[in-house]
Amino acid sequence: MRKPKRPYRFGIIFLLLTVPPIGATQLGWYLHDKQTGFDYGMIVGTVSVIYAAYLMYEKNWREEDED
């Protein structure tokens, strides 16, 4: 599988690191309480950072395009 072009990779990483943690925080806050929402956001944020690091370092998304 080819990796996306550099601007798209930046966008994907940006969305990966912002949307899931904020969404989990908001849902937890709305459905439970403030502390639970914060905990959900921290858990999902940690998983998001791990996956973003995997993409950047193991899949070489931080390298320049070969084209």
N, C-alpha and C. Protein backbone atom coordinates (compact mmCIF):
# COMPACT_ATOMS: atom_id res chain seq x y z
N MET A 1 0.84 -1.18 0.00
CA MET A 1 0.00 0.00 0.00
C MET A 1 0.88 1.24 0.00
N ARG A 2 0.57 2.15 -0.90
CA ARG A 2 1.33 3.39 -0.97
C ARG A 2 0.94 4.33 0.15
N LYS A 3 1.90 5.12 0.60
CA LYS A 3 1.55 6.11 1.61
C LYS A 3 1.02 7.37 0.93
N PRO A 4 0.15 8.09 1.59
CA PRO A 4 -0.42 9.30 1.00
C PRO A 4 0.65 10.38 0.79
N LYS A 5 0.31 11.38 0.00
CA LYS A 5 1.23 12.49 -0.21
C LYS A 5 1.43 13.24 1.10
N ARG A 6 2.54 13.96 1.18
CA ARG A 6 2.95 14.61 2.43
C ARG A 6 1.87 15.50 3.06
N PRO A 7 1.20 16.40 2.32
CA PRO A 7 0.16 17.22 2.97
C PRO A 7 -0.98 16.39 3.54
N TYR A 8 -1.35 15.30 2.87
CA TYR A 8 -2.41 14.45 3.38
C TYR A 8 -1.96 13.71 4.64
N ARG A 9 -0.70 13.32 4.68
CA ARG A 9 -0.18 12.66 5.89
C ARG A 9 -0.26 13.59 7.09
N PHE A 10 0.12 14.87 6.88
CA PHE A 10 0.02 15.84 7.96
C PHE A 10 -1.42 16.00 8.43
N GLY A 11 -2.34 16.06 7.49
CA GLY A 11 -3.76 16.20 7.84
C GLY A 11 -4.28 14.99 8.59
N ILE A 12 -3.89 13.80 8.15
CA ILE A 12 -4.34 12.58 8.82
C ILE A 12 -3.81 12.52 10.25
N ILE A 13 -2.51 12.84 10.42
CA ILE A 13 -1.92 12.84 11.77
C ILE A 13 -2.60 13.89 12.64
N PHE A 14 -2.84 15.08 12.08
CA PHE A 14 -3.51 16.14 12.83
C PHE A 14 -4.89 15.70 13.31
N LEU A 15 -5.67 15.13 12.38
CA LEU A 15 -7.01 14.68 12.75
C LEU A 15 -6.97 13.53 13.75
N LEU A 16 -6.01 12.63 13.59
CA LEU A 16 -5.86 11.50 14.50
C LEU A 16 -5.55 11.96 15.92
N LEU A 17 -4.75 13.01 16.03
CA LEU A 17 -4.34 13.48 17.36
C LEU A 17 -5.32 14.45 18.00
N THR A 18 -6.30 14.94 17.26
CA THR A 18 -7.23 15.91 17.84
C THR A 18 -8.66 15.40 17.97
N VAL A 19 -9.20 14.81 16.93
CA VAL A 19 -10.63 14.46 16.92
C VAL A 19 -10.99 13.37 17.93
N PRO A 20 -10.32 12.20 17.94
CA PRO A 20 -10.73 11.16 18.90
C PRO A 20 -10.59 11.57 20.38
N PRO A 21 -9.47 12.20 20.80
CA PRO A 21 -9.41 12.57 22.22
C PRO A 21 -10.45 13.61 22.63
N ILE A 22 -10.67 14.60 21.77
CA ILE A 22 -11.67 15.62 22.10
C ILE A 22 -13.06 15.01 22.12
N GLY A 23 -13.35 14.15 21.14
CA GLY A 23 -14.65 13.50 21.10
C GLY A 23 -14.90 12.61 22.30
N ALA A 24 -13.88 11.84 22.70
CA ALA A 24 -14.03 10.97 23.86
C ALA A 24 -14.22 11.79 25.13
N THR A 25 -13.50 12.89 25.25
CA THR A 25 -13.66 13.75 26.41
C THR A 25 -15.08 14.32 26.47
N GLN A 26 -15.56 14.82 25.34
CA GLN A 26 -16.89 15.41 25.32
C GLN A 26 -17.98 14.37 25.60
N LEU A 27 -17.86 13.19 25.00
CA LEU A 27 -18.86 12.15 25.25
C LEU A 27 -18.85 11.68 26.70
N GLY A 28 -17.66 11.46 27.24
CA GLY A 28 -17.57 11.05 28.64
C GLY A 28 -18.11 12.11 29.58
N TRP A 29 -17.82 13.36 29.27
CA TRP A 29 -18.31 14.48 30.10
C TRP A 29 -19.83 14.54 30.03
N TYR A 30 -20.38 14.37 28.82
CA TYR A 30 -21.83 14.46 28.64
C TYR A 30 -22.55 13.27 29.26
N LEU A 31 -22.02 12.07 29.06
CA LEU A 31 -22.71 10.87 29.51
C LEU A 31 -22.48 10.56 30.99
N HIS A 32 -21.35 10.97 31.53
CA HIS A 32 -21.03 10.64 32.92
C HIS A 32 -20.81 11.91 33.73
N ASP A 33 -19.57 12.26 33.95
CA ASP A 33 -19.27 13.49 34.66
C ASP A 33 -17.93 14.03 34.18
N LYS A 34 -17.51 15.14 34.75
CA LYS A 34 -16.30 15.83 34.29
C LYS A 34 -15.05 14.96 34.42
N GLN A 35 -14.85 14.32 35.54
CA GLN A 35 -13.65 13.51 35.77
C GLN A 35 -13.61 12.29 34.84
N THR A 36 -14.74 11.64 34.64
CA THR A 36 -14.79 10.49 33.75
C THR A 36 -14.50 10.90 32.31
N GLY A 37 -15.04 12.03 31.89
CA GLY A 37 -14.75 12.54 30.55
C GLY A 37 -13.28 12.82 30.36
N PHE A 38 -12.67 13.41 31.37
CA PHE A 38 -11.23 13.67 31.31
C PHE A 38 -10.44 12.37 31.22
N ASP A 39 -10.84 11.38 31.99
CA ASP A 39 -10.17 10.07 31.95
C ASP A 39 -10.30 9.41 30.58
N TYR A 40 -11.50 9.45 30.01
CA TYR A 40 -11.70 8.89 28.67
C TYR A 40 -10.81 9.60 27.65
N GLY A 41 -10.76 10.91 27.74
CA GLY A 41 -9.92 11.68 26.82
C GLY A 41 -8.45 11.33 26.94
N MET A 42 -7.98 11.12 28.17
CA MET A 42 -6.57 10.74 28.37
C MET A 42 -6.28 9.36 27.81
N ILE A 43 -7.18 8.43 28.00
CA ILE A 43 -6.98 7.06 27.49
C ILE A 43 -6.97 7.06 25.97
N VAL A 44 -7.95 7.69 25.36
CA VAL A 44 -8.02 7.73 23.90
C VAL A 44 -6.87 8.54 23.33
N GLY A 45 -6.46 9.60 24.02
CA GLY A 45 -5.32 10.40 23.58
C GLY A 45 -4.02 9.60 23.59
N THR A 46 -3.84 8.78 24.59
CA THR A 46 -2.64 7.93 24.66
C THR A 46 -2.61 6.95 23.51
N VAL A 47 -3.73 6.32 23.23
CA VAL A 47 -3.80 5.38 22.11
C VAL A 47 -3.56 6.11 20.79
N SER A 48 -4.09 7.32 20.64
CA SER A 48 -3.89 8.09 19.42
C SER A 48 -2.42 8.45 19.21
N VAL A 49 -1.75 8.83 20.27
CA VAL A 49 -0.33 9.18 20.17
C VAL A 49 0.49 7.95 19.81
N ILE A 50 0.17 6.81 20.38
CA ILE A 50 0.88 5.58 20.05
C ILE A 50 0.69 5.23 18.58
N TYR A 51 -0.53 5.34 18.08
CA TYR A 51 -0.79 5.02 16.68
C TYR A 51 -0.12 6.03 15.74
N ALA A 52 -0.13 7.31 16.10
CA ALA A 52 0.54 8.33 15.28
C ALA A 52 2.04 8.08 15.24
N ALA A 53 2.63 7.70 16.36
CA ALA A 53 4.06 7.38 16.37
C ALA A 53 4.36 6.16 15.52
N TYR A 54 3.48 5.18 15.55
CA TYR A 54 3.64 4.00 14.71
C TYR A 54 3.64 4.39 13.23
N LEU A 55 2.69 5.24 12.84
CA LEU A 55 2.64 5.67 11.45
C LEU A 55 3.88 6.46 11.07
N MET A 56 4.33 7.34 11.94
CA MET A 56 5.45 8.20 11.59
C MET A 56 6.78 7.44 11.55
N TYR A 57 7.00 6.55 12.48
CA TYR A 57 8.31 5.92 12.57
C TYR A 57 8.37 4.53 11.94
N GLU A 58 7.35 3.73 12.08
CA GLU A 58 7.38 2.39 11.50
C GLU A 58 6.97 2.38 10.03
N LYS A 59 6.04 3.24 9.68
CA LYS A 59 5.58 3.32 8.29
C LYS A 59 6.30 4.42 7.51
N ASN A 60 7.25 5.11 8.15
CA ASN A 60 8.08 6.17 7.52
C ASN A 60 7.25 7.31 6.92
N TRP A 61 6.24 7.75 7.63
CA TRP A 61 5.43 8.87 7.17
C TRP A 61 6.14 10.20 7.33
N ARG A 62 7.22 10.26 8.08
CA ARG A 62 7.90 11.54 8.27
C ARG A 62 8.96 11.77 7.20
N GLU A 63 9.21 10.78 6.36
CA GLU A 63 10.20 10.91 5.29
C GLU A 63 9.62 11.68 4.11
N GLU A 64 10.49 12.24 3.29
CA GLU A 64 10.07 12.95 2.09
C GLU A 64 9.49 11.96 1.08
N ASP A 65 8.70 12.49 0.16
CA ASP A 65 8.14 11.66 -0.91
C ASP A 65 9.25 11.28 -1.89
N GLU A 66 9.13 10.08 -2.45
CA GLU A 66 10.14 9.61 -3.40
C GLU A 66 9.86 10.10 -4.82
N ASP A 67 8.65 10.63 -5.05
CA ASP A 67 8.27 11.02 -6.43
C ASP A 67 9.11 12.12 -6.96
